[in-house]
Structure formats: structure tokens, C-alpha cells
């Protein structure tokens, strides 16, 4: 028996798949994850994204992640889940623990982009947050789902208790900043831009 055959029997994976890590991530992180992979040469990391629209139904996230994890066991040595809690009320953490896989720490992407410790220290309850992804997809993920395109009078009901739109910028992009400022104006909120870079997302990926 050739050594390659012995290794294949031992690991259950073909040689070209051994040592590879599958990242199961939210589609809202795809651009950032691919940028980090390219910038750092992390060619051993493979990305599989679930639809970002799952955030509109967070109760569906744990089952979707679990299905992806089970399928990924057939092809990869290791699996890491690129989701924070994301509105699942701890259910995703419990499911990942039962599956024996790790996931991103933190309540949501706004927290880990800024850094979980820094975000918690701010304790901002009147800030509405956007990331690069949400600025690009503002109409698809905010305006239309909330019905603001059809009923702009609903703005006060949804955003009346907010005071500031905080744009957490992952990149230096003047066009995105201008669009984020326009989003703040549409919602009647003050505007603040914070350059966060990739925050704890980059830290977690670098450890893989």
C-alpha cells in the first residue's frame, strides 16, 4: 500500500483536502472574508456562505449552519463558523457546541468589527449601525423590508428612538462614505463614520 493510500484511510479525506479549513459564513461577510484571504495568502481557507437574508429570520440560522457543518465534514479537516450570535438568542452557540465546532465571539457583526471589548464599552443604545455590506445593500436590507419605500411615514416608528447612524467602515471608500451619509439623511439621523477595519474577524481568521 502506498503511503498516500495509508493517509487517505487514516484521515478519510483525499490528500488535496487534508489540512483545509471550511469557513461557514454569513453572506454579509463574503466580501470581507475574501479580501482577508487574498491579502494574507490564506489559501487553506475555503469559504461557503449562507444567504445574508437569513438575518431577517435568525431562528433559521442554527439549522442552516448545522446542515452546512454536517456536509463539510466530508470534505474538510476543520470547520469554523463565521457567525456571531446574530439574533439567535444563544441557539447558534448551543448548536455549534453540540456539533463540536467553534464560531465567532460576540453578539453580532457590529460588535466584532469594532472589537467586542471596545463595542461593549461604548454601550450605545441610540445608534443605528451600518457596515460596508449594509451600506451597499441598504435598500434591499433596510428600506424595502421595512416598507419605507412604500410608506416613508413609518420612519419615525422604526427610527424615532435612534439619534445617530454609525457607519463602521471596513475599507477606505469615499463612495461608500457618501452613500452612508445619505442613508443617515434619509433616516433623519446624525452621521458618524468609524474606520474599524476587519476587527475581530481578522483576528479569528488569522488563528486558523
C-alpha atoms as a PDB file:
ATOM      1  CA  UNK A   1       0.000   0.000   0.000  1.00  0.00           C
ATOM      2  CA  UNK A   2       1.317   3.436  -0.939  1.00  0.00           C
ATOM      3  CA  UNK A   3       1.773   5.994   1.863  1.00  0.00           C
ATOM      4  CA  UNK A   4      -0.867   8.197   0.220  1.00  0.00           C
ATOM      5  CA  UNK A   5      -3.354   5.351   0.476  1.00  0.00           C
ATOM      6  CA  UNK A   6      -2.495   4.824   4.144  1.00  0.00           C
ATOM      7  CA  UNK A   7      -3.016   8.511   4.872  1.00  0.00           C
ATOM      8  CA  UNK A   8      -6.302   8.504   2.990  1.00  0.00           C
ATOM      9  CA  UNK A   9      -7.593   5.637   5.127  1.00  0.00           C
ATOM     10  CA  UNK A  10      -6.413   7.338   8.315  1.00  0.00           C
ATOM     11  CA  UNK A  11      -7.988  10.715   7.667  1.00  0.00           C
ATOM     12  CA  UNK A  12     -10.925   9.799   5.460  1.00  0.00           C
ATOM     13  CA  UNK A  13     -10.019  12.701   3.168  1.00  0.00           C
ATOM     14  CA  UNK A  14      -8.143  12.753  -0.122  1.00  0.00           C
ATOM     15  CA  UNK A  15      -4.656  14.282   0.124  1.00  0.00           C
ATOM     16  CA  UNK A  16      -5.649  17.511  -1.596  1.00  0.00           C
ATOM     17  CA  UNK A  17      -8.307  18.182   1.085  1.00  0.00           C
ATOM     18  CA  UNK A  18      -6.260  17.407   4.196  1.00  0.00           C
ATOM     19  CA  UNK A  19      -5.267  20.450   6.237  1.00  0.00           C
ATOM     20  CA  UNK A  20      -8.012  22.594   4.749  1.00  0.00           C
ATOM     21  CA  UNK A  21     -10.428  24.641   6.823  1.00  0.00           C
ATOM     22  CA  UNK A  22     -14.015  25.282   5.798  1.00  0.00           C
ATOM     23  CA  UNK A  23     -15.419  28.651   6.807  1.00  0.00           C
ATOM     24  CA  UNK A  24     -19.204  28.638   7.010  1.00  0.00           C
ATOM     25  CA  UNK A  25     -20.104  32.290   6.940  1.00  0.00           C
ATOM     26  CA  UNK A  26     -22.887  34.776   6.623  1.00  0.00           C
ATOM     27  CA  UNK A  27     -23.206  36.106   3.095  1.00  0.00           C
ATOM     28  CA  UNK A  28     -22.878  39.615   4.527  1.00  0.00           C
ATOM     29  CA  UNK A  29     -19.223  38.814   5.289  1.00  0.00           C
ATOM     30  CA  UNK A  30     -18.272  37.358   1.905  1.00  0.00           C
ATOM     31  CA  UNK A  31     -16.527  40.470   0.558  1.00  0.00           C
ATOM     32  CA  UNK A  32     -14.510  40.948   3.755  1.00  0.00           C
ATOM     33  CA  UNK A  33     -13.543  37.282   4.119  1.00  0.00           C
ATOM     34  CA  UNK A  34     -12.360  37.033   0.524  1.00  0.00           C
ATOM     35  CA  UNK A  35     -10.393  40.273   0.902  1.00  0.00           C
ATOM     36  CA  UNK A  36      -8.642  38.926   4.002  1.00  0.00           C
ATOM     37  CA  UNK A  37      -7.892  35.602   2.298  1.00  0.00           C
ATOM     38  CA  UNK A  38      -6.327  37.359  -0.673  1.00  0.00           C
ATOM     39  CA  UNK A  39      -4.359  39.895   1.362  1.00  0.00           C
ATOM     40  CA  UNK A  40      -2.860  37.287   3.683  1.00  0.00           C
ATOM     41  CA  UNK A  41      -2.446  34.358   1.328  1.00  0.00           C
ATOM     42  CA  UNK A  42      -4.724  32.137   3.404  1.00  0.00           C
ATOM     43  CA  UNK A  43      -5.206  29.642   0.604  1.00  0.00           C
ATOM     44  CA  UNK A  44      -6.006  26.801   3.012  1.00  0.00           C
ATOM     45  CA  UNK A  45      -9.286  28.504   3.979  1.00  0.00           C
ATOM     46  CA  UNK A  46     -12.369  27.709   1.884  1.00  0.00           C
ATOM     47  CA  UNK A  47     -15.467  29.861   2.211  1.00  0.00           C
ATOM     48  CA  UNK A  48     -19.072  28.691   1.996  1.00  0.00           C
ATOM     49  CA  UNK A  49     -21.610  31.473   2.502  1.00  0.00           C
ATOM     50  CA  UNK A  50     -25.198  31.117   3.626  1.00  0.00           C
ATOM     51  CA  UNK A  51     -27.721  33.714   2.406  1.00  0.00           C
ATOM     52  CA  UNK A  52     -27.364  37.040   4.192  1.00  0.00           C
ATOM     53  CA  UNK A  53     -31.147  37.389   4.174  1.00  0.00           C
ATOM     54  CA  UNK A  54     -31.264  34.758   6.946  1.00  0.00           C
ATOM     55  CA  UNK A  55     -30.717  37.706   9.282  1.00  0.00           C
ATOM     56  CA  UNK A  56     -34.352  38.576   8.677  1.00  0.00           C
ATOM     57  CA  UNK A  57     -35.229  35.162  10.175  1.00  0.00           C
ATOM     58  CA  UNK A  58     -32.474  34.431  12.728  1.00  0.00           C
ATOM     59  CA  UNK A  59     -34.378  31.436  14.076  1.00  0.00           C
ATOM     60  CA  UNK A  60     -33.429  29.665  10.830  1.00  0.00           C
ATOM     61  CA  UNK A  61     -29.686  30.275  11.185  1.00  0.00           C
ATOM     62  CA  UNK A  62     -28.818  27.377  13.560  1.00  0.00           C
ATOM     63  CA  UNK A  63     -30.406  24.724  11.330  1.00  0.00           C
ATOM     64  CA  UNK A  64     -28.831  26.171   8.193  1.00  0.00           C
ATOM     65  CA  UNK A  65     -25.399  26.227   9.823  1.00  0.00           C
ATOM     66  CA  UNK A  66     -25.828  22.683  11.152  1.00  0.00           C
ATOM     67  CA  UNK A  67     -26.628  21.354   7.679  1.00  0.00           C
ATOM     68  CA  UNK A  68     -23.556  23.053   6.243  1.00  0.00           C
ATOM     69  CA  UNK A  69     -21.353  21.711   9.036  1.00  0.00           C
ATOM     70  CA  UNK A  70     -22.508  18.136   8.514  1.00  0.00           C
ATOM     71  CA  UNK A  71     -21.871  18.370   4.774  1.00  0.00           C
ATOM     72  CA  UNK A  72     -18.478  19.984   5.363  1.00  0.00           C
ATOM     73  CA  UNK A  73     -17.232  17.105   7.486  1.00  0.00           C
ATOM     74  CA  UNK A  74     -16.984  15.049   4.307  1.00  0.00           C
ATOM     75  CA  UNK A  75     -14.555  17.443   2.655  1.00  0.00           C
ATOM     76  CA  UNK A  76     -12.523  19.328   5.262  1.00  0.00           C
ATOM     77  CA  UNK A  77     -10.284  18.672   8.229  1.00  0.00           C
ATOM     78  CA  UNK A  78     -11.644  21.577  10.242  1.00  0.00           C
ATOM     79  CA  UNK A  79     -14.734  23.785  10.231  1.00  0.00           C
ATOM     80  CA  UNK A  80     -15.149  27.270  11.675  1.00  0.00           C
ATOM     81  CA  UNK A  81     -18.432  29.185  11.747  1.00  0.00           C
ATOM     82  CA  UNK A  82     -18.205  32.839  10.743  1.00  0.00           C
ATOM     83  CA  UNK A  83     -21.335  33.915  12.562  1.00  0.00           C
ATOM     84  CA  UNK A  84     -21.690  35.680  15.871  1.00  0.00           C
ATOM     85  CA  UNK A  85     -24.937  35.183  17.817  1.00  0.00           C
ATOM     86  CA  UNK A  86     -26.754  37.275  15.194  1.00  0.00           C
ATOM     87  CA  UNK A  87     -30.089  37.379  16.980  1.00  0.00           C
ATOM     88  CA  UNK A  88     -30.405  33.661  17.676  1.00  0.00           C
ATOM     89  CA  UNK A  89     -30.612  34.155  21.441  1.00  0.00           C
ATOM     90  CA  UNK A  90     -27.770  31.731  22.136  1.00  0.00           C
ATOM     91  CA  UNK A  91     -29.236  28.953  19.997  1.00  0.00           C
ATOM     92  CA  UNK A  92     -26.428  29.103  17.443  1.00  0.00           C
ATOM     93  CA  UNK A  93     -23.776  28.867  20.156  1.00  0.00           C
ATOM     94  CA  UNK A  94     -25.536  25.844  21.645  1.00  0.00           C
ATOM     95  CA  UNK A  95     -25.812  24.163  18.252  1.00  0.00           C
ATOM     96  CA  UNK A  96     -22.154  24.793  17.411  1.00  0.00           C
ATOM     97  CA  UNK A  97     -21.115  23.413  20.791  1.00  0.00           C
ATOM     98  CA  UNK A  98     -23.173  20.272  20.164  1.00  0.00           C
ATOM     99  CA  UNK A  99     -21.564  19.916  16.733  1.00  0.00           C
ATOM    100  CA  UNK A 100     -18.083  20.448  18.152  1.00  0.00           C
ATOM    101  CA  UNK A 101     -17.239  23.482  16.030  1.00  0.00           C
ATOM    102  CA  UNK A 102     -16.134  26.971  17.027  1.00  0.00           C
ATOM    103  CA  UNK A 103     -17.744  30.231  15.975  1.00  0.00           C
ATOM    104  CA  UNK A 104     -17.065  33.943  16.155  1.00  0.00           C
ATOM    105  CA  UNK A 105     -17.411  35.539  19.571  1.00  0.00           C
ATOM    106  CA  UNK A 106     -19.800  38.418  20.087  1.00  0.00           C
ATOM    107  CA  UNK A 107     -23.471  39.327  19.706  1.00  0.00           C
ATOM    108  CA  UNK A 108     -23.323  40.492  16.064  1.00  0.00           C
ATOM    109  CA  UNK A 109     -21.056  41.807  13.306  1.00  0.00           C
ATOM    110  CA  UNK A 110     -21.230  45.409  14.551  1.00  0.00           C
ATOM    111  CA  UNK A 111     -19.557  44.211  17.717  1.00  0.00           C
ATOM    112  CA  UNK A 112     -16.792  42.059  16.260  1.00  0.00           C
ATOM    113  CA  UNK A 113     -15.950  44.554  13.515  1.00  0.00           C
ATOM    114  CA  UNK A 114     -15.352  47.233  16.129  1.00  0.00           C
ATOM    115  CA  UNK A 115     -13.820  44.713  18.519  1.00  0.00           C
ATOM    116  CA  UNK A 116     -16.071  43.063  21.082  1.00  0.00           C
ATOM    117  CA  UNK A 117     -14.453  44.711  24.078  1.00  0.00           C
ATOM    118  CA  UNK A 118     -14.490  48.186  22.537  1.00  0.00           C
ATOM    119  CA  UNK A 119     -18.078  47.800  21.380  1.00  0.00           C
ATOM    120  CA  UNK A 120     -19.293  46.666  24.794  1.00  0.00           C
ATOM    121  CA  UNK A 121     -17.524  49.590  26.467  1.00  0.00           C
ATOM    122  CA  UNK A 122     -19.401  52.100  24.331  1.00  0.00           C
ATOM    123  CA  UNK A 123     -22.823  50.851  25.485  1.00  0.00           C
ATOM    124  CA  UNK A 124     -24.610  52.782  22.735  1.00  0.00           C
ATOM    125  CA  UNK A 125     -28.364  52.289  22.736  1.00  0.00           C
ATOM    126  CA  UNK A 126     -29.385  55.083  20.354  1.00  0.00           C
ATOM    127  CA  UNK A 127     -27.019  54.226  17.484  1.00  0.00           C
ATOM    128  CA  UNK A 128     -28.108  52.524  14.276  1.00  0.00           C
ATOM    129  CA  UNK A 129     -25.169  50.715  12.679  1.00  0.00           C
ATOM    130  CA  UNK A 130     -24.195  50.063   9.093  1.00  0.00           C
ATOM    131  CA  UNK A 131     -21.239  48.097   7.743  1.00  0.00           C
ATOM    132  CA  UNK A 132     -19.792  48.227   4.224  1.00  0.00           C
ATOM    133  CA  UNK A 133     -22.177  45.450   3.217  1.00  0.00           C
ATOM    134  CA  UNK A 134     -25.245  47.163   4.635  1.00  0.00           C
ATOM    135  CA  UNK A 135     -24.347  50.463   3.010  1.00  0.00           C
ATOM    136  CA  UNK A 136     -24.140  48.700  -0.354  1.00  0.00           C
ATOM    137  CA  UNK A 137     -27.376  46.805   0.288  1.00  0.00           C
ATOM    138  CA  UNK A 138     -29.280  49.450   2.250  1.00  0.00           C
ATOM    139  CA  UNK A 139     -32.392  49.356   0.093  1.00  0.00           C
ATOM    140  CA  UNK A 140     -32.510  45.551  -0.028  1.00  0.00           C
ATOM    141  CA  UNK A 141     -31.973  45.026   3.704  1.00  0.00           C
ATOM    142  CA  UNK A 142     -33.472  48.163   5.278  1.00  0.00           C
ATOM    143  CA  UNK A 143     -35.660  50.293   3.022  1.00  0.00           C
ATOM    144  CA  UNK A 144     -37.717  47.579   1.309  1.00  0.00           C
ATOM    145  CA  UNK A 145     -38.092  45.040   4.170  1.00  0.00           C
ATOM    146  CA  UNK A 146     -39.309  47.823   6.472  1.00  0.00           C
ATOM    147  CA  UNK A 147     -41.644  49.183   3.808  1.00  0.00           C
ATOM    148  CA  UNK A 148     -40.057  52.641   3.862  1.00  0.00           C
ATOM    149  CA  UNK A 149     -40.088  52.799   0.071  1.00  0.00           C
ATOM    150  CA  UNK A 150     -43.884  52.498   0.136  1.00  0.00           C
ATOM    151  CA  UNK A 151     -44.653  54.141   3.477  1.00  0.00           C
ATOM    152  CA  UNK A 152     -41.971  56.704   4.401  1.00  0.00           C
ATOM    153  CA  UNK A 153     -44.144  57.826   7.303  1.00  0.00           C
ATOM    154  CA  UNK A 154     -43.049  54.644   9.106  1.00  0.00           C
ATOM    155  CA  UNK A 155     -39.597  56.157   9.583  1.00  0.00           C
ATOM    156  CA  UNK A 156     -40.462  57.614  12.990  1.00  0.00           C
ATOM    157  CA  UNK A 157     -41.920  54.349  14.225  1.00  0.00           C
ATOM    158  CA  UNK A 158     -38.756  52.421  13.341  1.00  0.00           C
ATOM    159  CA  UNK A 159     -36.088  55.032  13.977  1.00  0.00           C
ATOM    160  CA  UNK A 160     -37.644  57.579  16.332  1.00  0.00           C
ATOM    161  CA  UNK A 161     -35.552  56.394  19.274  1.00  0.00           C
ATOM    162  CA  UNK A 162     -32.259  56.491  17.380  1.00  0.00           C
ATOM    163  CA  UNK A 163     -30.109  59.602  17.293  1.00  0.00           C
ATOM    164  CA  UNK A 164     -27.086  58.618  15.183  1.00  0.00           C
ATOM    165  CA  UNK A 165     -26.274  56.424  12.236  1.00  0.00           C
ATOM    166  CA  UNK A 166     -22.818  54.949  12.828  1.00  0.00           C
ATOM    167  CA  UNK A 167     -21.066  53.718   9.711  1.00  0.00           C
ATOM    168  CA  UNK A 168     -18.467  51.123  10.682  1.00  0.00           C
ATOM    169  CA  UNK A 169     -16.202  51.234   7.653  1.00  0.00           C
ATOM    170  CA  UNK A 170     -14.153  48.170   6.801  1.00  0.00           C
ATOM    171  CA  UNK A 171     -12.460  49.953   3.895  1.00  0.00           C
ATOM    172  CA  UNK A 172     -11.430  53.452   2.883  1.00  0.00           C
ATOM    173  CA  UNK A 173     -14.026  54.092   0.196  1.00  0.00           C
ATOM    174  CA  UNK A 174     -15.267  57.682  -0.335  1.00  0.00           C
ATOM    175  CA  UNK A 175     -18.220  56.478  -2.383  1.00  0.00           C
ATOM    176  CA  UNK A 176     -19.444  54.212   0.417  1.00  0.00           C
ATOM    177  CA  UNK A 177     -18.986  57.008   2.940  1.00  0.00           C
ATOM    178  CA  UNK A 178     -21.085  59.333   0.792  1.00  0.00           C
ATOM    179  CA  UNK A 179     -23.777  56.690   0.464  1.00  0.00           C
ATOM    180  CA  UNK A 180     -23.757  56.042   4.225  1.00  0.00           C
ATOM    181  CA  UNK A 181     -24.146  59.770   4.886  1.00  0.00           C
ATOM    182  CA  UNK A 182     -27.099  59.845   2.501  1.00  0.00           C
ATOM    183  CA  UNK A 183     -28.663  56.927   4.388  1.00  0.00           C
ATOM    184  CA  UNK A 184     -28.375  58.912   7.620  1.00  0.00           C
ATOM    185  CA  UNK A 185     -30.062  61.895   5.990  1.00  0.00           C
ATOM    186  CA  UNK A 186     -32.911  59.714   4.725  1.00  0.00           C
ATOM    187  CA  UNK A 187     -33.482  58.411   8.237  1.00  0.00           C
ATOM    188  CA  UNK A 188     -33.159  61.843   9.847  1.00  0.00           C
ATOM    189  CA  UNK A 189     -30.175  60.796  11.960  1.00  0.00           C
ATOM    190  CA  UNK A 190     -26.833  62.374  12.738  1.00  0.00           C
ATOM    191  CA  UNK A 191     -23.922  60.732  10.930  1.00  0.00           C
ATOM    192  CA  UNK A 192     -20.717  59.263  12.341  1.00  0.00           C
ATOM    193  CA  UNK A 193     -18.101  57.285  10.467  1.00  0.00           C
ATOM    194  CA  UNK A 194     -15.720  54.951  12.292  1.00  0.00           C
ATOM    195  CA  UNK A 195     -12.989  53.089  10.481  1.00  0.00           C
ATOM    196  CA  UNK A 196     -12.972  49.659  12.120  1.00  0.00           C
ATOM    197  CA  UNK A 197     -11.178  47.620   9.504  1.00  0.00           C
ATOM    198  CA  UNK A 198     -11.953  43.934   9.963  1.00  0.00           C
ATOM    199  CA  UNK A 199     -11.683  43.890  13.752  1.00  0.00           C
ATOM    200  CA  UNK A 200     -12.069  40.544  15.490  1.00  0.00           C
ATOM    201  CA  UNK A 201     -12.989  38.871  12.199  1.00  0.00           C
ATOM    202  CA  UNK A 202      -9.386  39.217  11.038  1.00  0.00           C
ATOM    203  CA  UNK A 203      -8.099  38.033  14.420  1.00  0.00           C
ATOM    204  CA  UNK A 204     -10.262  34.895  14.321  1.00  0.00           C
ATOM    205  CA  UNK A 205      -9.274  34.062  10.761  1.00  0.00           C
ATOM    206  CA  UNK A 206      -5.585  34.588  11.445  1.00  0.00           C
ATOM    207  CA  UNK A 207      -5.743  32.000  14.229  1.00  0.00           C
ATOM    208  CA  UNK A 208      -6.911  29.412  11.714  1.00  0.00           C
END
